[in-house]
Amino acid sequence: MNLVNFHEDDLPIQDLETIGLAAGGQLLLNVDDLKALLSGRRTALLELHDLETDNIKIKSINAKISLKPNENGKLDLLIHPIYRKAETPDFLNETEARQLQKGEVASLLKITLDNHGNKKEMLVEYDPDTKEYIVSDTEKILAPDMVNNELLTPAQKENYRKGKEVQIADGTKFNYSGTDHHGIRSNKLALVASILIDGGLSYMVYKGLNALFNQKREQKSAEKLSPGYHQALKDIENQHGFKPHQFEQSQTRKGR
């Protein structure tokens, strides 16, 4: 689950203009990509223009972009191009790397050591779009407290942070994904996730969700949303002046 943690006013507009994603101070991003950026995720593949680095000029390139705060509190623009060959993290062996690249597994959990010798659990995924391994610290993955108005158990939240599939009573299945545009996949086209912050609930409405990894879904079943989902929407509407963050995508893809 990714809450909106950057503000549109803080975007590096000049950098975005340089690569053709803004003009005259106005963004040229679609809503989905903008919301992905503001939530700290990567966009979908974009066509970037007129890149220049180390005296090398690139007319156009397909890449994903993301944002990262720098030491001065400003947002740096990161570009994730399509690599010719994936660079394998040193904590993966050849078999594990091959399993991820071939799509035999959605993710792997690995224990690594930080600079101070402390153990850290990392979730490793593979992005076939950019031919890149995506590594997430499981402690920093934010699990929802509720989905479709159903409280998650501590075990379910732990499984979510580990990238494992979680199923709730209404039949909705979902899992965290650092490679997905939404940051979450599901057997349903939509769900409402919420998290307790400062004594209140913050809601996230996800729509146009992609299917679970390597799983096909029947369209009618995916479109049939539970009473808990609809009740969660009503709860949001009943909060005067509150608008949920909606993550919508015009097209959906089957799980790869």
C-alpha atoms as a PDB file:
ATOM      1  CA  MET A   1       0.000   0.000   0.000  1.00  0.00           C
ATOM      2  CA  ASN A   2       1.422   3.376  -0.992  1.00  0.00           C
ATOM      3  CA  LEU A   3       0.068   6.570   0.505  1.00  0.00           C
ATOM      4  CA  VAL A   4       0.602   9.809  -1.397  1.00  0.00           C
ATOM      5  CA  ASN A   5       3.807  11.133   0.179  1.00  0.00           C
ATOM      6  CA  PHE A   6       4.982  13.762  -2.327  1.00  0.00           C
ATOM      7  CA  HIS A   7       3.205  16.959  -3.360  1.00  0.00           C
ATOM      8  CA  GLU A   8       2.728  18.000  -6.968  1.00  0.00           C
ATOM      9  CA  ASP A   9       4.159  21.442  -6.160  1.00  0.00           C
ATOM     10  CA  ASP A  10       7.456  19.782  -5.194  1.00  0.00           C
ATOM     11  CA  LEU A  11       7.958  17.967  -8.505  1.00  0.00           C
ATOM     12  CA  PRO A  12      11.200  18.820 -10.368  1.00  0.00           C
ATOM     13  CA  ILE A  13       9.370  20.537 -13.229  1.00  0.00           C
ATOM     14  CA  GLN A  14      12.526  21.703 -15.014  1.00  0.00           C
ATOM     15  CA  ASP A  15      13.908  18.161 -15.087  1.00  0.00           C
ATOM     16  CA  LEU A  16      10.574  16.881 -16.391  1.00  0.00           C
ATOM     17  CA  GLU A  17      10.566  19.573 -19.088  1.00  0.00           C
ATOM     18  CA  THR A  18      14.078  18.526 -20.102  1.00  0.00           C
ATOM     19  CA  ILE A  19      12.879  14.995 -20.925  1.00  0.00           C
ATOM     20  CA  GLY A  20       9.633  16.092 -22.580  1.00  0.00           C
ATOM     21  CA  LEU A  21       7.217  15.299 -19.737  1.00  0.00           C
ATOM     22  CA  ALA A  22       6.326  18.915 -18.976  1.00  0.00           C
ATOM     23  CA  ALA A  23       6.073  22.156 -20.939  1.00  0.00           C
ATOM     24  CA  GLY A  24       5.592  25.733 -19.794  1.00  0.00           C
ATOM     25  CA  GLY A  25       5.336  24.585 -16.197  1.00  0.00           C
ATOM     26  CA  GLN A  26       2.515  22.157 -17.043  1.00  0.00           C
ATOM     27  CA  LEU A  27       2.855  18.403 -16.634  1.00  0.00           C
ATOM     28  CA  LEU A  28       2.387  16.136 -19.651  1.00  0.00           C
ATOM     29  CA  LEU A  29       1.853  12.979 -17.584  1.00  0.00           C
ATOM     30  CA  ASN A  30      -1.354  10.968 -17.457  1.00  0.00           C
ATOM     31  CA  VAL A  31      -3.171  10.637 -14.143  1.00  0.00           C
ATOM     32  CA  ASP A  32      -1.934   7.100 -13.436  1.00  0.00           C
ATOM     33  CA  ASP A  33       1.729   7.976 -13.913  1.00  0.00           C
ATOM     34  CA  LEU A  34       1.413  11.163 -11.868  1.00  0.00           C
ATOM     35  CA  LYS A  35      -0.157   9.294  -8.963  1.00  0.00           C
ATOM     36  CA  ALA A  36       2.501   6.602  -9.162  1.00  0.00           C
ATOM     37  CA  LEU A  37       5.185   9.297  -8.896  1.00  0.00           C
ATOM     38  CA  LEU A  38       3.512  11.043  -5.971  1.00  0.00           C
ATOM     39  CA  SER A  39       3.225   7.708  -4.151  1.00  0.00           C
ATOM     40  CA  GLY A  40       6.929   6.952  -4.493  1.00  0.00           C
ATOM     41  CA  ARG A  41       6.447   4.273  -7.150  1.00  0.00           C
ATOM     42  CA  ARG A  42       7.704   3.939 -10.690  1.00  0.00           C
ATOM     43  CA  THR A  43       5.598   4.991 -13.641  1.00  0.00           C
ATOM     44  CA  ALA A  44       4.750   2.766 -16.564  1.00  0.00           C
ATOM     45  CA  LEU A  45       7.155   2.800 -19.513  1.00  0.00           C
ATOM     46  CA  LEU A  46       7.310   6.299 -21.018  1.00  0.00           C
ATOM     47  CA  GLU A  47       8.952   7.692 -24.131  1.00  0.00           C
ATOM     48  CA  LEU A  48      11.496  10.292 -23.038  1.00  0.00           C
ATOM     49  CA  HIS A  49      13.024  12.782 -25.460  1.00  0.00           C
ATOM     50  CA  ASP A  50      16.299  14.684 -25.870  1.00  0.00           C
ATOM     51  CA  LEU A  51      18.265  13.185 -23.003  1.00  0.00           C
ATOM     52  CA  GLU A  52      21.836  14.347 -22.511  1.00  0.00           C
ATOM     53  CA  THR A  53      24.412  12.890 -20.128  1.00  0.00           C
ATOM     54  CA  ASP A  54      28.212  12.799 -20.146  1.00  0.00           C
ATOM     55  CA  ASN A  55      28.228  14.572 -23.532  1.00  0.00           C
ATOM     56  CA  ILE A  56      26.020  11.809 -24.972  1.00  0.00           C
ATOM     57  CA  LYS A  57      22.766  12.928 -26.571  1.00  0.00           C
ATOM     58  CA  ILE A  58      19.836  10.531 -26.868  1.00  0.00           C
ATOM     59  CA  LYS A  59      16.985  11.536 -29.169  1.00  0.00           C
ATOM     60  CA  SER A  60      14.418   9.290 -27.474  1.00  0.00           C
ATOM     61  CA  ILE A  61      14.338   6.362 -25.090  1.00  0.00           C
ATOM     62  CA  ASN A  62      11.714   4.237 -23.359  1.00  0.00           C
ATOM     63  CA  ALA A  63      12.088   4.226 -19.590  1.00  0.00           C
ATOM     64  CA  LYS A  64      10.259   4.403 -16.285  1.00  0.00           C
ATOM     65  CA  ILE A  65      10.766   7.316 -13.911  1.00  0.00           C
ATOM     66  CA  SER A  66      10.500   7.766 -10.147  1.00  0.00           C
ATOM     67  CA  LEU A  67      11.303  10.332  -7.466  1.00  0.00           C
ATOM     68  CA  LYS A  68      13.731  10.225  -4.553  1.00  0.00           C
ATOM     69  CA  PRO A  69      14.261  12.881  -1.864  1.00  0.00           C
ATOM     70  CA  ASN A  70      17.831  14.180  -1.707  1.00  0.00           C
ATOM     71  CA  GLU A  71      19.801  15.397   1.315  1.00  0.00           C
ATOM     72  CA  ASN A  72      18.522  18.948   0.736  1.00  0.00           C
ATOM     73  CA  GLY A  73      14.896  17.863   0.994  1.00  0.00           C
ATOM     74  CA  LYS A  74      14.271  18.304  -2.732  1.00  0.00           C
ATOM     75  CA  LEU A  75      13.042  15.597  -5.107  1.00  0.00           C
ATOM     76  CA  ASP A  76      15.489  14.090  -7.582  1.00  0.00           C
ATOM     77  CA  LEU A  77      14.190  12.576 -10.808  1.00  0.00           C
ATOM     78  CA  LEU A  78      15.379   9.009 -11.391  1.00  0.00           C
ATOM     79  CA  ILE A  79      15.291   7.404 -14.839  1.00  0.00           C
ATOM     80  CA  HIS A  80      15.029   3.618 -15.175  1.00  0.00           C
ATOM     81  CA  PRO A  81      15.891   2.645 -18.770  1.00  0.00           C
ATOM     82  CA  ILE A  82      15.551  -0.758 -20.398  1.00  0.00           C
ATOM     83  CA  TYR A  83      18.803  -2.570 -19.725  1.00  0.00           C
ATOM     84  CA  ARG A  84      20.371  -4.906 -22.261  1.00  0.00           C
ATOM     85  CA  LYS A  85      21.140  -7.389 -19.509  1.00  0.00           C
ATOM     86  CA  ALA A  86      19.900  -7.561 -15.951  1.00  0.00           C
ATOM     87  CA  GLU A  87      22.491  -6.908 -13.242  1.00  0.00           C
ATOM     88  CA  THR A  88      22.016  -9.660 -10.673  1.00  0.00           C
ATOM     89  CA  PRO A  89      22.259  -8.650  -6.988  1.00  0.00           C
ATOM     90  CA  ASP A  90      25.191 -10.386  -5.306  1.00  0.00           C
ATOM     91  CA  PHE A  91      22.892 -12.092  -2.780  1.00  0.00           C
ATOM     92  CA  LEU A  92      21.067 -14.051  -5.518  1.00  0.00           C
ATOM     93  CA  ASN A  93      22.491 -17.270  -6.917  1.00  0.00           C
ATOM     94  CA  GLU A  94      22.151 -18.241 -10.584  1.00  0.00           C
ATOM     95  CA  THR A  95      19.142 -20.493  -9.991  1.00  0.00           C
ATOM     96  CA  GLU A  96      17.243 -17.803  -8.081  1.00  0.00           C
ATOM     97  CA  ALA A  97      18.047 -15.159 -10.689  1.00  0.00           C
ATOM     98  CA  ARG A  98      16.876 -17.456 -13.484  1.00  0.00           C
ATOM     99  CA  GLN A  99      13.628 -18.290 -11.660  1.00  0.00           C
ATOM    100  CA  LEU A 100      12.786 -14.597 -11.363  1.00  0.00           C
ATOM    101  CA  GLN A 101      13.748 -13.733 -14.940  1.00  0.00           C
ATOM    102  CA  LYS A 102      11.743 -16.607 -16.420  1.00  0.00           C
ATOM    103  CA  GLY A 103       8.686 -15.755 -14.343  1.00  0.00           C
ATOM    104  CA  GLU A 104       8.739 -19.063 -12.492  1.00  0.00           C
ATOM    105  CA  VAL A 105       8.286 -17.227  -9.177  1.00  0.00           C
ATOM    106  CA  ALA A 106       6.846 -13.801  -8.421  1.00  0.00           C
ATOM    107  CA  SER A 107       9.398 -12.926  -5.756  1.00  0.00           C
ATOM    108  CA  LEU A 108      12.004 -14.269  -3.359  1.00  0.00           C
ATOM    109  CA  LEU A 109      12.776 -13.391   0.249  1.00  0.00           C
ATOM    110  CA  LYS A 110      16.455 -12.967   1.063  1.00  0.00           C
ATOM    111  CA  ILE A 111      18.265 -12.110   4.291  1.00  0.00           C
ATOM    112  CA  THR A 112      21.094  -9.600   3.845  1.00  0.00           C
ATOM    113  CA  LEU A 113      23.352  -7.566   6.133  1.00  0.00           C
ATOM    114  CA  ASP A 114      23.343  -3.773   6.232  1.00  0.00           C
ATOM    115  CA  ASN A 115      26.436  -1.596   6.680  1.00  0.00           C
ATOM    116  CA  HIS A 116      26.307  -2.165  10.438  1.00  0.00           C
ATOM    117  CA  GLY A 117      26.074  -5.941  10.196  1.00  0.00           C
ATOM    118  CA  ASN A 118      22.370  -6.059  11.050  1.00  0.00           C
ATOM    119  CA  LYS A 119      20.165  -8.602   9.289  1.00  0.00           C
ATOM    120  CA  LYS A 120      17.538  -7.269   6.887  1.00  0.00           C
ATOM    121  CA  GLU A 121      14.827  -9.164   5.040  1.00  0.00           C
ATOM    122  CA  MET A 122      14.578  -8.129   1.392  1.00  0.00           C
ATOM    123  CA  LEU A 123      11.828  -8.889  -1.115  1.00  0.00           C
ATOM    124  CA  VAL A 124      13.330  -9.400  -4.570  1.00  0.00           C
ATOM    125  CA  GLU A 125      11.278  -9.124  -7.780  1.00  0.00           C
ATOM    126  CA  TYR A 126      12.131  -8.866 -11.469  1.00  0.00           C
ATOM    127  CA  ASP A 127      10.809  -6.156 -13.785  1.00  0.00           C
ATOM    128  CA  PRO A 128      10.727  -7.582 -17.337  1.00  0.00           C
ATOM    129  CA  ASP A 129       9.950  -4.137 -18.772  1.00  0.00           C
ATOM    130  CA  THR A 130      13.319  -2.694 -17.751  1.00  0.00           C
ATOM    131  CA  LYS A 131      15.181  -6.002 -17.221  1.00  0.00           C
ATOM    132  CA  GLU A 132      15.942  -5.012 -13.656  1.00  0.00           C
ATOM    133  CA  TYR A 133      15.725  -6.607 -10.219  1.00  0.00           C
ATOM    134  CA  ILE A 134      13.595  -4.620  -7.765  1.00  0.00           C
ATOM    135  CA  VAL A 135      14.627  -5.003  -4.123  1.00  0.00           C
ATOM    136  CA  SER A 136      12.365  -3.848  -1.258  1.00  0.00           C
ATOM    137  CA  ASP A 137      13.055  -3.824   2.479  1.00  0.00           C
ATOM    138  CA  THR A 138      10.071  -5.720   3.944  1.00  0.00           C
ATOM    139  CA  GLU A 139      10.133  -3.555   7.091  1.00  0.00           C
ATOM    140  CA  LYS A 140       9.420  -0.503   4.931  1.00  0.00           C
ATOM    141  CA  ILE A 141       6.477  -2.043   3.053  1.00  0.00           C
ATOM    142  CA  LEU A 142       3.285  -0.534   4.447  1.00  0.00           C
ATOM    143  CA  ALA A 143       0.557  -3.142   4.923  1.00  0.00           C
ATOM    144  CA  PRO A 144      -3.092  -2.001   5.069  1.00  0.00           C
ATOM    145  CA  ASP A 145      -5.008  -2.409   8.319  1.00  0.00           C
ATOM    146  CA  MET A 146      -8.251  -3.102   6.456  1.00  0.00           C
ATOM    147  CA  VAL A 147      -9.280  -4.194   2.970  1.00  0.00           C
ATOM    148  CA  ASN A 148     -12.915  -3.841   1.889  1.00  0.00           C
ATOM    149  CA  ASN A 149     -13.825  -2.993   5.503  1.00  0.00           C
ATOM    150  CA  GLU A 150     -12.312  -6.236   6.823  1.00  0.00           C
ATOM    151  CA  LEU A 151      -9.549  -6.044   9.420  1.00  0.00           C
ATOM    152  CA  LEU A 152      -6.381  -7.892   8.494  1.00  0.00           C
ATOM    153  CA  THR A 153      -4.801 -10.156  11.088  1.00  0.00           C
ATOM    154  CA  PRO A 154      -1.147  -9.655  12.089  1.00  0.00           C
ATOM    155  CA  ALA A 155      -0.309 -12.803  10.091  1.00  0.00           C
ATOM    156  CA  GLN A 156      -2.043 -11.451   6.973  1.00  0.00           C
ATOM    157  CA  LYS A 157      -0.207  -8.133   7.269  1.00  0.00           C
ATOM    158  CA  GLU A 158       3.093  -9.968   7.672  1.00  0.00           C
ATOM    159  CA  ASN A 159       2.362 -12.071   4.574  1.00  0.00           C
ATOM    160  CA  TYR A 160       1.539  -8.910   2.626  1.00  0.00           C
ATOM    161  CA  ARG A 161       4.889  -7.349   3.534  1.00  0.00           C
ATOM    162  CA  LYS A 162       6.602 -10.536   2.373  1.00  0.00           C
ATOM    163  CA  GLY A 163       4.888 -10.336  -1.036  1.00  0.00           C
ATOM    164  CA  LYS A 164       2.706 -13.364  -0.317  1.00  0.00           C
ATOM    165  CA  GLU A 165      -0.902 -13.720  -1.431  1.00  0.00           C
ATOM    166  CA  VAL A 166      -3.513 -12.658   1.129  1.00  0.00           C
ATOM    167  CA  GLN A 167      -7.175 -13.682   0.977  1.00  0.00           C
ATOM    168  CA  ILE A 168     -10.005 -12.132   2.984  1.00  0.00           C
ATOM    169  CA  ALA A 169     -13.485 -13.476   3.765  1.00  0.00           C
ATOM    170  CA  ASP A 170     -15.214 -11.845   0.771  1.00  0.00           C
ATOM    171  CA  GLY A 171     -12.994 -13.830  -1.624  1.00  0.00           C
ATOM    172  CA  THR A 172     -10.696 -10.947  -2.550  1.00  0.00           C
ATOM    173  CA  LYS A 173      -7.077 -12.015  -3.008  1.00  0.00           C
ATOM    174  CA  PHE A 174      -4.200  -9.558  -3.260  1.00  0.00           C
ATOM    175  CA  ASN A 175      -0.473  -9.166  -2.791  1.00  0.00           C
ATOM    176  CA  TYR A 176       2.141  -6.431  -2.692  1.00  0.00           C
ATOM    177  CA  SER A 177       4.215  -5.908  -5.839  1.00  0.00           C
ATOM    178  CA  GLY A 178       7.084  -3.472  -6.210  1.00  0.00           C
ATOM    179  CA  THR A 179       7.102  -3.956  -9.982  1.00  0.00           C
ATOM    180  CA  ASP A 180       3.407  -3.298 -10.581  1.00  0.00           C
ATOM    181  CA  HIS A 181       2.186   0.164 -11.554  1.00  0.00           C
ATOM    182  CA  HIS A 182      -0.303   0.157  -8.650  1.00  0.00           C
ATOM    183  CA  GLY A 183       1.986  -1.486  -6.116  1.00  0.00           C
ATOM    184  CA  ILE A 184      -0.635  -4.190  -5.570  1.00  0.00           C
ATOM    185  CA  ARG A 185      -2.209  -7.028  -7.598  1.00  0.00           C
ATOM    186  CA  SER A 186      -5.553  -8.747  -7.083  1.00  0.00           C
ATOM    187  CA  ASN A 187      -8.034 -11.287  -8.403  1.00  0.00           C
ATOM    188  CA  LYS A 188     -10.524  -8.384  -8.404  1.00  0.00           C
ATOM    189  CA  LEU A 189     -10.496  -5.279 -10.563  1.00  0.00           C
ATOM    190  CA  ALA A 190     -10.868  -3.004  -7.547  1.00  0.00           C
ATOM    191  CA  LEU A 191     -10.512  -2.906  -3.778  1.00  0.00           C
ATOM    192  CA  VAL A 192     -10.477  -0.373  -0.951  1.00  0.00           C
ATOM    193  CA  ALA A 193      -7.502  -0.455   1.404  1.00  0.00           C
ATOM    194  CA  SER A 194      -7.266   1.615   4.556  1.00  0.00           C
ATOM    195  CA  ILE A 195      -4.669   2.302   7.197  1.00  0.00           C
ATOM    196  CA  LEU A 196      -4.936   3.812  10.663  1.00  0.00           C
ATOM    197  CA  ILE A 197      -3.020   7.097  10.841  1.00  0.00           C
ATOM    198  CA  ASP A 198      -3.132   9.592  13.721  1.00  0.00           C
ATOM    199  CA  GLY A 199      -6.300   8.070  15.132  1.00  0.00           C
ATOM    200  CA  GLY A 200      -8.194   8.124  11.828  1.00  0.00           C
ATOM    201  CA  LEU A 201      -8.528   5.963   8.737  1.00  0.00           C
ATOM    202  CA  SER A 202      -6.866   6.926   5.472  1.00  0.00           C
ATOM    203  CA  TYR A 203      -8.481   5.235   2.478  1.00  0.00           C
ATOM    204  CA  MET A 204      -7.026   4.208  -0.860  1.00  0.00           C
ATOM    205  CA  VAL A 205      -9.353   3.183  -3.692  1.00  0.00           C
ATOM    206  CA  TYR A 206      -7.569   1.010  -6.242  1.00  0.00           C
ATOM    207  CA  LYS A 207      -9.254   0.468  -9.617  1.00  0.00           C
ATOM    208  CA  GLY A 208      -8.149  -1.301 -12.785  1.00  0.00           C
ATOM    209  CA  LEU A 209      -5.918  -3.668 -10.830  1.00  0.00           C
ATOM    210  CA  ASN A 210      -3.800  -6.223 -12.646  1.00  0.00           C
ATOM    211  CA  ALA A 211      -4.276  -9.940 -12.057  1.00  0.00           C
ATOM    212  CA  LEU A 212      -2.245 -11.930  -9.560  1.00  0.00           C
ATOM    213  CA  PHE A 213       1.119 -13.186 -10.782  1.00  0.00           C
ATOM    214  CA  ASN A 214       0.775 -15.941 -13.409  1.00  0.00           C
ATOM    215  CA  GLN A 215      -2.947 -16.282 -12.700  1.00  0.00           C
ATOM    216  CA  LYS A 216      -5.756 -15.810 -15.188  1.00  0.00           C
ATOM    217  CA  ARG A 217      -9.049 -14.421 -13.986  1.00  0.00           C
ATOM    218  CA  GLU A 218     -12.580 -14.574 -15.315  1.00  0.00           C
ATOM    219  CA  GLN A 219     -13.721 -11.066 -16.218  1.00  0.00           C
ATOM    220  CA  LYS A 220     -17.211 -11.305 -14.709  1.00  0.00           C
ATOM    221  CA  SER A 221     -15.846 -12.671 -11.448  1.00  0.00           C
ATOM    222  CA  ALA A 222     -13.163  -9.970 -11.319  1.00  0.00           C
ATOM    223  CA  GLU A 223     -15.791  -7.264 -11.852  1.00  0.00           C
ATOM    224  CA  LYS A 224     -18.087  -8.610  -9.114  1.00  0.00           C
ATOM    225  CA  LEU A 225     -17.141  -6.617  -6.024  1.00  0.00           C
ATOM    226  CA  SER A 226     -18.209  -7.494  -2.502  1.00  0.00           C
ATOM    227  CA  PRO A 227     -20.648  -5.700  -0.162  1.00  0.00           C
ATOM    228  CA  GLY A 228     -17.608  -4.815   1.955  1.00  0.00           C
ATOM    229  CA  TYR A 229     -16.084  -2.941  -0.988  1.00  0.00           C
ATOM    230  CA  HIS A 230     -19.261  -0.945  -1.607  1.00  0.00           C
ATOM    231  CA  GLN A 231     -19.683  -0.228   2.114  1.00  0.00           C
ATOM    232  CA  ALA A 232     -16.119   1.086   2.256  1.00  0.00           C
ATOM    233  CA  LEU A 233     -16.948   3.484  -0.593  1.00  0.00           C
ATOM    234  CA  LYS A 234     -20.019   4.684   1.323  1.00  0.00           C
ATOM    235  CA  ASP A 235     -17.911   5.215   4.440  1.00  0.00           C
ATOM    236  CA  ILE A 236     -15.575   7.411   2.412  1.00  0.00           C
ATOM    237  CA  GLU A 237     -18.463   9.414   0.957  1.00  0.00           C
ATOM    238  CA  ASN A 238     -19.886   9.931   4.442  1.00  0.00           C
ATOM    239  CA  GLN A 239     -16.704  11.642   5.572  1.00  0.00           C
ATOM    240  CA  HIS A 240     -17.562  15.238   4.755  1.00  0.00           C
ATOM    241  CA  GLY A 241     -15.050  16.906   2.485  1.00  0.00           C
ATOM    242  CA  PHE A 242     -12.876  13.806   2.213  1.00  0.00           C
ATOM    243  CA  LYS A 243     -11.872  12.469  -1.170  1.00  0.00           C
ATOM    244  CA  PRO A 244     -10.101   9.104  -1.429  1.00  0.00           C
ATOM    245  CA  HIS A 245      -6.914   8.709  -3.420  1.00  0.00           C
ATOM    246  CA  GLN A 246      -8.012   6.824  -6.521  1.00  0.00           C
ATOM    247  CA  PHE A 247      -5.525   4.758  -8.457  1.00  0.00           C
ATOM    248  CA  GLU A 248      -7.184   3.939 -11.762  1.00  0.00           C
ATOM    249  CA  GLN A 249      -5.781   2.406 -14.899  1.00  0.00           C
ATOM    250  CA  SER A 250      -7.654   2.434 -18.172  1.00  0.00           C
ATOM    251  CA  GLN A 251      -6.351  -0.957 -19.256  1.00  0.00           C
ATOM    252  CA  THR A 252      -5.688  -4.107 -17.269  1.00  0.00           C
ATOM    253  CA  ARG A 253      -3.261  -6.890 -17.964  1.00  0.00           C
ATOM    254  CA  LYS A 254      -3.330 -10.544 -17.054  1.00  0.00           C
ATOM    255  CA  GLY A 255      -0.816 -11.740 -14.492  1.00  0.00           C
ATOM    256  CA  ARG A 256       2.404 -12.663 -16.218  1.00  0.00           C
END
